[in-house]
Amino acid sequence: MLIALPIHAQGGDEQISAKLFVQQFYDWYTPIALKNHGDPAFGIALKRKSQSFSPELALALREDLEAQAKANGVSVGLDGDPFLQSAWPEAHYKVGKATSKGDRYLVNVHRFRAGRMFPDTAAIPEVAKVSGHWVFVNFHSPDGWNILEMLKSLKEKRQMESK
């Protein structure tokens, strides 16, 4: 006999909702990232799913894209995918553990291949609920760095080099 438990008993509605938001984004985004568009896939995500990013994160990513577009082939911005954090992404990603950080969640994302989720974390999106819907506010790496800090550092470096 199976007993159905309420879904909130498995970690809370907000946590489950945050994980679902992240999984739906990765399900949508990963096939785009795997195609060669000539432009970074994260630029497509900013255009098509702008409501999924906090204003601060969206602005920093757009500034990076613009700087790279003006650089005539010289790398002055992100050199990998900020969401997948890999130059060679997998075809599938699955969410794992979500950790509460105040009113935000850090959601572990794992590479997934041949029906198996890799134990190592590929990326850790940080999400927050704004006006009733989830947005990405940052992307962390398992190594401790995060996209907002990296974009700030790259911008400062570009400003120093332009002087």
N, C-alpha and C. Protein backbone atom coordinates (compact mmCIF):
# COMPACT_ATOMS: atom_id res chain seq x y z
N MET A 1 0.84 -1.17 0.00
CA MET A 1 0.00 0.00 0.00
C MET A 1 0.88 1.24 0.00
N LEU A 2 0.63 2.17 -0.91
CA LEU A 2 1.38 3.41 -0.99
C LEU A 2 0.65 4.51 -0.25
N ILE A 3 1.42 5.32 0.43
CA ILE A 3 0.84 6.46 1.13
C ILE A 3 1.38 7.71 0.47
N ALA A 4 0.49 8.55 0.01
CA ALA A 4 0.91 9.80 -0.64
C ALA A 4 1.18 10.84 0.43
N LEU A 5 2.36 11.40 0.38
CA LEU A 5 2.72 12.46 1.31
C LEU A 5 2.59 13.81 0.61
N PRO A 6 2.17 14.83 1.30
CA PRO A 6 2.13 16.15 0.67
C PRO A 6 3.52 16.55 0.19
N ILE A 7 3.58 17.23 -0.93
CA ILE A 7 4.86 17.58 -1.53
C ILE A 7 5.69 18.48 -0.61
N HIS A 8 5.05 19.33 0.20
CA HIS A 8 5.82 20.22 1.08
C HIS A 8 6.54 19.45 2.18
N ALA A 9 6.12 18.24 2.44
CA ALA A 9 6.81 17.44 3.44
C ALA A 9 8.18 16.99 2.96
N GLN A 10 8.43 17.14 1.68
CA GLN A 10 9.70 16.71 1.12
C GLN A 10 10.70 17.86 0.99
N GLY A 11 10.50 18.97 1.64
CA GLY A 11 11.49 20.02 1.60
C GLY A 11 10.92 21.41 1.48
N GLY A 12 9.63 21.54 1.44
CA GLY A 12 9.03 22.86 1.39
C GLY A 12 8.65 23.27 -0.02
N ASP A 13 7.49 23.91 -0.11
CA ASP A 13 6.99 24.33 -1.42
C ASP A 13 7.94 25.29 -2.13
N GLU A 14 8.51 26.23 -1.40
CA GLU A 14 9.42 27.20 -2.03
C GLU A 14 10.66 26.53 -2.59
N GLN A 15 11.21 25.62 -1.84
CA GLN A 15 12.40 24.90 -2.29
C GLN A 15 12.09 24.09 -3.56
N ILE A 16 10.97 23.41 -3.55
CA ILE A 16 10.58 22.61 -4.71
C ILE A 16 10.31 23.53 -5.91
N SER A 17 9.67 24.63 -5.65
CA SER A 17 9.38 25.60 -6.71
C SER A 17 10.68 26.16 -7.31
N ALA A 18 11.64 26.47 -6.46
CA ALA A 18 12.94 26.97 -6.93
C ALA A 18 13.65 25.94 -7.79
N LYS A 19 13.65 24.69 -7.34
CA LYS A 19 14.28 23.62 -8.09
C LYS A 19 13.59 23.41 -9.44
N LEU A 20 12.28 23.48 -9.46
CA LEU A 20 11.54 23.32 -10.70
C LEU A 20 11.87 24.44 -11.68
N PHE A 21 11.96 25.68 -11.20
CA PHE A 21 12.33 26.82 -12.05
C PHE A 21 13.70 26.58 -12.68
N VAL A 22 14.66 26.16 -11.88
CA VAL A 22 16.02 25.92 -12.38
C VAL A 22 16.02 24.78 -13.39
N GLN A 23 15.33 23.68 -13.09
CA GLN A 23 15.30 22.54 -14.01
C GLN A 23 14.66 22.93 -15.34
N GLN A 24 13.57 23.67 -15.30
CA GLN A 24 12.90 24.08 -16.54
C GLN A 24 13.81 24.97 -17.38
N PHE A 25 14.56 25.85 -16.72
CA PHE A 25 15.48 26.69 -17.46
C PHE A 25 16.56 25.85 -18.13
N TYR A 26 17.17 24.94 -17.40
CA TYR A 26 18.24 24.11 -17.97
C TYR A 26 17.71 23.20 -19.08
N ASP A 27 16.49 22.70 -18.94
CA ASP A 27 15.89 21.89 -20.01
C ASP A 27 15.72 22.71 -21.28
N TRP A 28 15.37 23.97 -21.13
CA TRP A 28 15.21 24.87 -22.27
C TRP A 28 16.56 25.32 -22.83
N TYR A 29 17.47 25.68 -21.94
CA TYR A 29 18.73 26.32 -22.34
C TYR A 29 19.77 25.35 -22.92
N THR A 30 19.90 24.18 -22.37
CA THR A 30 20.97 23.27 -22.76
C THR A 30 20.98 22.98 -24.26
N PRO A 31 19.86 22.66 -24.90
CA PRO A 31 19.91 22.44 -26.36
C PRO A 31 20.38 23.67 -27.14
N ILE A 32 20.06 24.85 -26.65
CA ILE A 32 20.52 26.09 -27.29
C ILE A 32 22.03 26.21 -27.15
N ALA A 33 22.54 25.91 -25.97
CA ALA A 33 23.98 26.00 -25.71
C ALA A 33 24.77 24.99 -26.54
N LEU A 34 24.16 23.88 -26.90
CA LEU A 34 24.86 22.85 -27.66
C LEU A 34 24.97 23.18 -29.15
N LYS A 35 24.15 24.11 -29.62
CA LYS A 35 24.19 24.50 -31.04
C LYS A 35 25.20 25.63 -31.22
N ASN A 36 25.81 25.67 -32.40
CA ASN A 36 26.74 26.75 -32.73
C ASN A 36 25.95 27.89 -33.37
N HIS A 37 25.75 28.95 -32.62
CA HIS A 37 24.98 30.09 -33.10
C HIS A 37 25.88 31.21 -33.62
N GLY A 38 27.14 31.10 -33.39
CA GLY A 38 28.05 32.20 -33.72
C GLY A 38 28.14 33.22 -32.60
N ASP A 39 27.10 33.33 -31.81
CA ASP A 39 27.07 34.21 -30.65
C ASP A 39 26.92 33.35 -29.40
N PRO A 40 27.33 33.87 -28.25
CA PRO A 40 27.17 33.09 -27.03
C PRO A 40 25.71 32.74 -26.75
N ALA A 41 25.47 31.53 -26.32
CA ALA A 41 24.11 31.07 -26.03
C ALA A 41 23.48 31.88 -24.90
N PHE A 42 24.30 32.36 -23.97
CA PHE A 42 23.70 33.12 -22.87
C PHE A 42 23.09 34.43 -23.36
N GLY A 43 23.55 34.94 -24.50
CA GLY A 43 22.93 36.13 -25.10
C GLY A 43 21.52 35.82 -25.59
N ILE A 44 21.34 34.63 -26.12
CA ILE A 44 20.00 34.20 -26.55
C ILE A 44 19.08 34.09 -25.34
N ALA A 45 19.60 33.54 -24.25
CA ALA A 45 18.80 33.43 -23.03
C ALA A 45 18.41 34.81 -22.52
N LEU A 46 19.31 35.77 -22.59
CA LEU A 46 18.99 37.13 -22.13
C LEU A 46 17.90 37.76 -22.99
N LYS A 47 17.89 37.45 -24.28
CA LYS A 47 16.86 38.00 -25.16
C LYS A 47 15.52 37.30 -24.98
N ARG A 48 15.55 35.99 -24.94
CA ARG A 48 14.29 35.22 -24.93
C ARG A 48 13.69 35.02 -23.55
N LYS A 49 14.53 35.07 -22.52
CA LYS A 49 14.05 34.82 -21.16
C LYS A 49 14.55 35.91 -20.21
N SER A 50 14.49 37.14 -20.66
CA SER A 50 15.02 38.24 -19.84
C SER A 50 14.37 38.31 -18.46
N GLN A 51 13.11 37.92 -18.37
CA GLN A 51 12.39 37.95 -17.09
C GLN A 51 12.94 36.93 -16.10
N SER A 52 13.82 36.04 -16.56
CA SER A 52 14.39 35.01 -15.69
C SER A 52 15.65 35.46 -14.97
N PHE A 53 16.08 36.69 -15.21
CA PHE A 53 17.32 37.19 -14.62
C PHE A 53 17.06 38.47 -13.85
N SER A 54 17.76 38.62 -12.72
CA SER A 54 17.67 39.86 -11.97
C SER A 54 18.23 40.99 -12.83
N PRO A 55 17.78 42.22 -12.62
CA PRO A 55 18.32 43.33 -13.41
C PRO A 55 19.85 43.45 -13.30
N GLU A 56 20.41 43.23 -12.12
CA GLU A 56 21.86 43.34 -11.93
C GLU A 56 22.61 42.29 -12.76
N LEU A 57 22.15 41.06 -12.70
CA LEU A 57 22.81 39.99 -13.45
C LEU A 57 22.64 40.20 -14.95
N ALA A 58 21.44 40.56 -15.39
CA ALA A 58 21.20 40.78 -16.82
C ALA A 58 22.08 41.91 -17.35
N LEU A 59 22.20 43.00 -16.59
CA LEU A 59 23.03 44.13 -17.02
C LEU A 59 24.49 43.71 -17.14
N ALA A 60 25.00 43.01 -16.15
CA ALA A 60 26.41 42.59 -16.17
C ALA A 60 26.68 41.66 -17.35
N LEU A 61 25.77 40.75 -17.64
CA LEU A 61 25.95 39.83 -18.77
C LEU A 61 25.87 40.58 -20.10
N ARG A 62 24.93 41.53 -20.21
CA ARG A 62 24.82 42.32 -21.45
C ARG A 62 26.08 43.17 -21.68
N GLU A 63 26.59 43.77 -20.63
CA GLU A 63 27.82 44.56 -20.76
C GLU A 63 28.97 43.69 -21.25
N ASP A 64 29.05 42.47 -20.75
CA ASP A 64 30.08 41.54 -21.18
C ASP A 64 29.91 41.20 -22.66
N LEU A 65 28.69 40.92 -23.07
CA LEU A 65 28.42 40.62 -24.48
C LEU A 65 28.80 41.78 -25.39
N GLU A 66 28.42 42.99 -24.98
CA GLU A 66 28.73 44.18 -25.78
C GLU A 66 30.23 44.41 -25.89
N ALA A 67 30.93 44.25 -24.79
CA ALA A 67 32.38 44.44 -24.80
C ALA A 67 33.04 43.41 -25.71
N GLN A 68 32.58 42.17 -25.64
CA GLN A 68 33.15 41.12 -26.48
C GLN A 68 32.86 41.39 -27.95
N ALA A 69 31.68 41.89 -28.26
CA ALA A 69 31.31 42.19 -29.65
C ALA A 69 32.18 43.29 -30.23
N LYS A 70 32.62 44.22 -29.41
CA LYS A 70 33.47 45.33 -29.87
C LYS A 70 34.95 44.98 -29.92
N ALA A 71 35.33 43.82 -29.43
CA ALA A 71 36.74 43.48 -29.24
C ALA A 71 37.42 42.89 -30.48
N ASN A 72 36.71 42.74 -31.58
CA ASN A 72 37.30 42.24 -32.83
C ASN A 72 38.09 40.95 -32.67
N GLY A 73 37.45 39.96 -32.06
CA GLY A 73 38.08 38.64 -31.97
C GLY A 73 38.99 38.42 -30.78
N VAL A 74 39.34 39.47 -30.06
CA VAL A 74 40.16 39.33 -28.86
C VAL A 74 39.23 39.04 -27.68
N SER A 75 39.57 38.07 -26.86
CA SER A 75 38.72 37.72 -25.73
C SER A 75 38.88 38.74 -24.61
N VAL A 76 37.79 39.45 -24.32
CA VAL A 76 37.79 40.43 -23.23
C VAL A 76 36.68 40.16 -22.23
N GLY A 77 35.96 39.05 -22.45
CA GLY A 77 34.82 38.73 -21.60
C GLY A 77 34.87 37.28 -21.15
N LEU A 78 33.72 36.79 -20.80
CA LEU A 78 33.62 35.40 -20.34
C LEU A 78 34.14 34.46 -21.42
N ASP A 79 34.90 33.46 -21.02
CA ASP A 79 35.44 32.52 -22.00
C ASP A 79 34.74 31.16 -21.94
N GLY A 80 33.65 31.09 -21.24
CA GLY A 80 32.87 29.86 -21.16
C GLY A 80 31.42 30.20 -20.90
N ASP A 81 30.61 29.21 -20.83
CA ASP A 81 29.19 29.41 -20.60
C ASP A 81 28.95 29.69 -19.12
N PRO A 82 28.35 30.83 -18.78
CA PRO A 82 28.16 31.16 -17.37
C PRO A 82 27.13 30.30 -16.65
N PHE A 83 26.24 29.66 -17.42
CA PHE A 83 25.19 28.87 -16.80
C PHE A 83 25.58 27.40 -16.68
N LEU A 84 26.31 26.90 -17.68
CA LEU A 84 26.75 25.51 -17.66
C LEU A 84 28.15 25.37 -17.08
N GLN A 85 28.89 26.46 -17.10
CA GLN A 85 30.25 26.53 -16.57
C GLN A 85 31.14 25.45 -17.16
N SER A 86 31.03 25.32 -18.47
CA SER A 86 31.84 24.34 -19.18
C SER A 86 31.98 24.75 -20.63
N ALA A 87 33.14 24.53 -21.18
CA ALA A 87 33.34 24.75 -22.62
C ALA A 87 32.78 23.57 -23.41
N TRP A 88 32.60 22.42 -22.76
CA TRP A 88 32.07 21.21 -23.40
C TRP A 88 30.88 20.71 -22.59
N PRO A 89 29.72 21.32 -22.81
CA PRO A 89 28.57 20.94 -22.00
C PRO A 89 28.01 19.57 -22.33
N GLU A 90 27.33 19.02 -21.36
CA GLU A 90 26.60 17.76 -21.54
C GLU A 90 25.28 18.07 -22.25
N ALA A 91 24.62 17.04 -22.72
CA ALA A 91 23.33 17.20 -23.38
C ALA A 91 22.20 17.41 -22.37
N HIS A 92 22.43 17.00 -21.12
CA HIS A 92 21.39 17.12 -20.10
C HIS A 92 22.00 17.51 -18.76
N TYR A 93 21.21 18.25 -18.00
CA TYR A 93 21.58 18.65 -16.64
C TYR A 93 20.37 18.41 -15.75
N LYS A 94 20.63 18.01 -14.51
CA LYS A 94 19.56 17.76 -13.55
C LYS A 94 19.87 18.49 -12.25
N VAL A 95 18.81 19.03 -11.64
CA VAL A 95 18.99 19.69 -10.35
C VAL A 95 19.14 18.64 -9.27
N GLY A 96 19.88 19.03 -8.26
CA GLY A 96 20.07 18.19 -7.09
C GLY A 96 19.57 18.94 -5.87
N LYS A 97 20.41 19.01 -4.88
CA LYS A 97 20.08 19.64 -3.60
C LYS A 97 19.88 21.15 -3.77
N ALA A 98 18.94 21.69 -3.04
CA ALA A 98 18.73 23.14 -2.97
C ALA A 98 18.91 23.57 -1.52
N THR A 99 19.71 24.58 -1.32
CA THR A 99 20.02 25.07 0.02
C THR A 99 19.49 26.47 0.19
N SER A 100 18.77 26.68 1.28
CA SER A 100 18.22 27.99 1.58
C SER A 100 19.34 28.94 2.00
N LYS A 101 19.30 30.15 1.47
CA LYS A 101 20.25 31.21 1.82
C LYS A 101 19.42 32.47 2.06
N GLY A 102 18.82 32.56 3.25
CA GLY A 102 17.89 33.65 3.52
C GLY A 102 16.65 33.48 2.67
N ASP A 103 16.34 34.48 1.85
CA ASP A 103 15.17 34.40 0.97
C ASP A 103 15.54 33.88 -0.42
N ARG A 104 16.73 33.34 -0.54
CA ARG A 104 17.22 32.81 -1.82
C ARG A 104 17.51 31.32 -1.67
N TYR A 105 17.71 30.68 -2.82
CA TYR A 105 18.12 29.28 -2.83
C TYR A 105 19.33 29.11 -3.73
N LEU A 106 20.26 28.29 -3.28
CA LEU A 106 21.37 27.82 -4.09
C LEU A 106 21.01 26.42 -4.53
N VAL A 107 20.94 26.21 -5.84
CA VAL A 107 20.47 24.94 -6.39
C VAL A 107 21.61 24.26 -7.13
N ASN A 108 22.01 23.11 -6.64
CA ASN A 108 23.08 22.37 -7.31
C ASN A 108 22.57 21.78 -8.61
N VAL A 109 23.34 21.96 -9.68
CA VAL A 109 23.02 21.41 -10.99
C VAL A 109 24.13 20.43 -11.36
N HIS A 110 23.72 19.25 -11.81
CA HIS A 110 24.66 18.18 -12.13
C HIS A 110 24.58 17.80 -13.60
N ARG A 111 25.71 17.40 -14.14
CA ARG A 111 25.72 16.83 -15.49
C ARG A 111 24.98 15.50 -15.44
N PHE A 112 24.33 15.16 -16.54
CA PHE A 112 23.53 13.95 -16.60
C PHE A 112 23.78 13.27 -17.94
N ARG A 113 24.20 12.01 -17.89
CA ARG A 113 24.50 11.27 -19.13
C ARG A 113 24.15 9.80 -18.95
N ALA A 114 23.56 9.24 -19.99
CA ALA A 114 23.23 7.80 -20.03
C ALA A 114 22.44 7.36 -18.79
N GLY A 115 21.47 8.19 -18.41
CA GLY A 115 20.62 7.84 -17.28
C GLY A 115 21.27 7.97 -15.93
N ARG A 116 22.41 8.64 -15.87
CA ARG A 116 23.16 8.74 -14.62
C ARG A 116 23.51 10.20 -14.33
N MET A 117 23.20 10.63 -13.11
CA MET A 117 23.57 11.97 -12.68
C MET A 117 24.96 11.91 -12.07
N PHE A 118 25.85 12.77 -12.55
CA PHE A 118 27.21 12.81 -12.02
C PHE A 118 27.17 13.36 -10.59
N PRO A 119 27.97 12.83 -9.70
CA PRO A 119 27.93 13.28 -8.31
C PRO A 119 28.50 14.69 -8.11
N ASP A 120 29.45 15.09 -8.97
CA ASP A 120 30.02 16.42 -8.82
C ASP A 120 29.05 17.48 -9.34
N THR A 121 29.06 18.62 -8.70
CA THR A 121 28.18 19.73 -9.07
C THR A 121 28.83 20.50 -10.22
N ALA A 122 28.04 20.76 -11.27
CA ALA A 122 28.55 21.51 -12.42
C ALA A 122 28.40 23.01 -12.22
N ALA A 123 27.29 23.44 -11.66
CA ALA A 123 27.01 24.86 -11.44
C ALA A 123 26.03 24.98 -10.28
N ILE A 124 26.02 26.17 -9.68
CA ILE A 124 25.12 26.41 -8.55
C ILE A 124 24.40 27.74 -8.79
N PRO A 125 23.27 27.68 -9.50
CA PRO A 125 22.50 28.91 -9.67
C PRO A 125 21.94 29.38 -8.33
N GLU A 126 21.92 30.69 -8.16
CA GLU A 126 21.31 31.31 -7.00
C GLU A 126 20.04 31.99 -7.48
N VAL A 127 18.91 31.62 -6.90
CA VAL A 127 17.63 32.16 -7.34
C VAL A 127 16.91 32.84 -6.18
N ALA A 128 16.10 33.83 -6.55
CA ALA A 128 15.29 34.55 -5.57
C ALA A 128 13.92 34.78 -6.19
N LYS A 129 12.92 34.88 -5.33
CA LYS A 129 11.57 35.16 -5.82
C LYS A 129 11.37 36.68 -5.80
N VAL A 130 11.02 37.21 -6.97
CA VAL A 130 10.79 38.65 -7.12
C VAL A 130 9.41 38.83 -7.74
N SER A 131 8.57 39.58 -7.07
CA SER A 131 7.20 39.83 -7.55
C SER A 131 6.48 38.54 -7.91
N GLY A 132 6.68 37.52 -7.12
CA GLY A 132 5.96 36.27 -7.29
C GLY A 132 6.56 35.28 -8.26
N HIS A 133 7.69 35.61 -8.90
CA HIS A 133 8.32 34.61 -9.78
C HIS A 133 9.82 34.55 -9.53
N TRP A 134 10.39 33.41 -9.84
CA TRP A 134 11.82 33.17 -9.60
C TRP A 134 12.66 33.86 -10.66
N VAL A 135 13.82 34.34 -10.22
CA VAL A 135 14.83 34.89 -11.13
C VAL A 135 16.20 34.40 -10.68
N PHE A 136 17.09 34.30 -11.64
CA PHE A 136 18.48 34.01 -11.33
C PHE A 136 19.14 35.30 -10.88
N VAL A 137 19.83 35.27 -9.76
CA VAL A 137 20.54 36.45 -9.27
C VAL A 137 22.05 36.28 -9.37
N ASN A 138 22.51 35.04 -9.52
CA ASN A 138 23.93 34.78 -9.67
C ASN A 138 24.11 33.30 -10.02
N PHE A 139 25.28 32.97 -10.48
CA PHE A 139 25.66 31.59 -10.73
C PHE A 139 27.00 31.36 -10.06
N HIS A 140 27.07 30.38 -9.18
CA HIS A 140 28.28 30.07 -8.44
C HIS A 140 28.92 28.83 -9.02
N SER A 141 30.23 28.73 -8.83
CA SER A 141 30.93 27.50 -9.22
C SER A 141 31.21 26.69 -7.96
N PRO A 142 31.39 25.40 -8.13
CA PRO A 142 31.76 24.58 -6.97
C PRO A 142 33.11 24.99 -6.40
N ASP A 143 33.92 25.70 -7.20
CA ASP A 143 35.25 26.14 -6.75
C ASP A 143 35.22 27.42 -5.93
N GLY A 144 34.04 28.04 -5.80
CA GLY A 144 33.92 29.21 -4.94
C GLY A 144 33.77 30.54 -5.64
N TRP A 145 34.01 30.64 -6.93
CA TRP A 145 33.83 31.92 -7.62
C TRP A 145 32.39 32.04 -8.09
N ASN A 146 32.00 33.25 -8.47
CA ASN A 146 30.65 33.43 -8.99
C ASN A 146 30.69 34.39 -10.18
N ILE A 147 29.64 34.32 -10.99
CA ILE A 147 29.60 35.07 -12.24
C ILE A 147 29.60 36.58 -12.00
N LEU A 148 28.84 37.07 -11.03
CA LEU A 148 28.81 38.51 -10.80
C LEU A 148 30.19 39.06 -10.46
N GLU A 149 30.93 38.37 -9.59
CA GLU A 149 32.29 38.81 -9.25
C GLU A 149 33.21 38.74 -10.47
N MET A 150 33.07 37.67 -11.25
CA MET A 150 33.91 37.52 -12.44
C MET A 150 33.61 38.62 -13.45
N LEU A 151 32.34 38.91 -13.68
CA LEU A 151 31.97 39.96 -14.63
C LEU A 151 32.45 41.33 -14.15
N LYS A 152 32.38 41.57 -12.86
CA LYS A 152 32.88 42.84 -12.30
C LYS A 152 34.39 42.94 -12.52
N SER A 153 35.10 41.86 -12.28
CA SER A 153 36.55 41.85 -12.46
C SER A 153 36.93 42.06 -13.93
N LEU A 154 36.22 41.39 -14.84
CA LEU A 154 36.49 41.57 -16.27
C LEU A 154 36.22 43.00 -16.72
N LYS A 155 35.15 43.59 -16.21
CA LYS A 155 34.82 44.98 -16.54
C LYS A 155 35.91 45.94 -16.05
N GLU A 156 36.36 45.73 -14.82
CA GLU A 156 37.43 46.57 -14.27
C GLU A 156 38.71 46.42 -15.09
N LYS A 157 39.01 45.21 -15.50
CA LYS A 157 40.20 44.97 -16.32
C LYS A 157 40.08 45.69 -17.66
N ARG A 158 38.92 45.64 -18.29
CA ARG A 158 38.72 46.34 -19.56
C ARG A 158 38.88 47.83 -19.38
N GLN A 159 38.35 48.36 -18.28
CA GLN A 159 38.46 49.80 -18.01
C GLN A 159 39.91 50.21 -17.80
N MET A 160 40.69 49.39 -17.10
CA MET A 160 42.10 49.69 -16.86
C MET A 160 42.89 49.66 -18.17
N GLU A 161 42.57 48.70 -19.02
CA GLU A 161 43.29 48.56 -20.29
C GLU A 161 42.94 49.64 -21.28
N SER A 162 41.78 50.26 -21.12
CA SER A 162 41.36 51.31 -22.06
C SER A 162 41.94 52.67 -21.69
N LYS A 163 42.59 52.76 -20.53
CA LYS A 163 43.18 54.04 -20.10
C LYS A 163 44.55 54.25 -20.71
